[in-house]
Amino acid sequence: MGLFLFKRLITLVATLVGTSVVVFLVLEILPGNAAQIIMGPDAAPDAVEAMARKLGLDRPGWERYWDWMGGMLRGDLGTSYAYSTPVAELVLERLSLTVPLALLAMAFTTVLALAAGIYAASRHNKLGDVGVMGLTQVGIAIPNFWFAILLILLFSVHLGWFSAGGFPGWEEGILPGLRALLLPALSLAVVQAAILARFTRSAVLEVLREDFVRTARAKGVSQRATLWGHVLRNALIPVITVMGLQFAELLAGTIVVESVFYLPGLGRLIFQSISNRDLIVVRNCVMLLAAMVVIVNFVVDILYAVIDPRVKASDI
């Protein structure tokens, strides 16, 4: 286990360093001038040049990269050009919405996918199986922002059960906050649940063909008890891997949905910062999202190795 963990840690660090280089270089080659945007289109060239020096934009790229990396290691992400606020404060404030949104969406995804996948597998090649697989195909094809608009039209405009957007803040209470995140979480979960349901069905069907399942059924164990007591535990090994990848995707995929529901999360902060040419905020937010995806994948690898010892053996 020690060698397996060490190799995964090396891969984690190398991936984060490579990601930081790519993020920095991509943002460096984008057109536009942050100093010009801050000063306005009618600002004098001398004033724009002075602002560029103040922001450190006149220094070599490699020097700014090392300063950025050193600041991240110290926890100093710099100050936003547009908000004149420390980037760390902006990010932490927006993460308090984005992370609960991703967790709620993942909870919906897990419940819907496991129920649909197990139901379809237990009725293999029957009407229930065909119906569930048809619905999952539709779910995969639906863009989450379009489904979000449908949810707003149904539950906000016609029924009036939920607000069409906005977030009251956690200081107003947990229930009002969760209520505001319910529709966005459902719109994020529909595609992921469809994908995970198909994986769950395939995994359950594979385990159902094992000898120990036939033995349990021959001993008189009911189909329900066999599914939940024997099959599901063994089928969860590949499903957990997919769930980890999906949670990472949910963390990084909230930008559009947060814009549709006008939620002040990390995704909307990135969108606004791109419009304002606030590169220091964009750079840190994109790096944070990339780091969370990499770390979640690392945790999934470790969990997979804990669940299935064959993974460690094959990796050494």
Foldseek 3Di string as FASTA:
>chain_A
DVVVLVVLVVVLVVLLVVVLVVLLVVLVPDDDQLLCLLQDVPDDPVSSVVSCVVVVVVDDSVVVSVVCVVCVVVVFLDAWSVPRHGLSVLQVVQCVQLVVLLVLLLVVLVVLQLVLLLQLLVQDPDPSVVVSLVQLVVLQVDQLLVVLVVCCCPCCVPVNPADQADAPDCVVDDVSRVRRSVSLSPSLNSNSSSVLNVLLNVLLNVQCPDPVLVVCVVVPDDPVCSCVPPRNLRSCLVSLLSSLLSSLCSSVPCLSSCVSRVYSHLSVVLVVCVVSVRSSSVSVSVSVSSSSNSVSNSVSLVVSCVSPVVSVVVVD
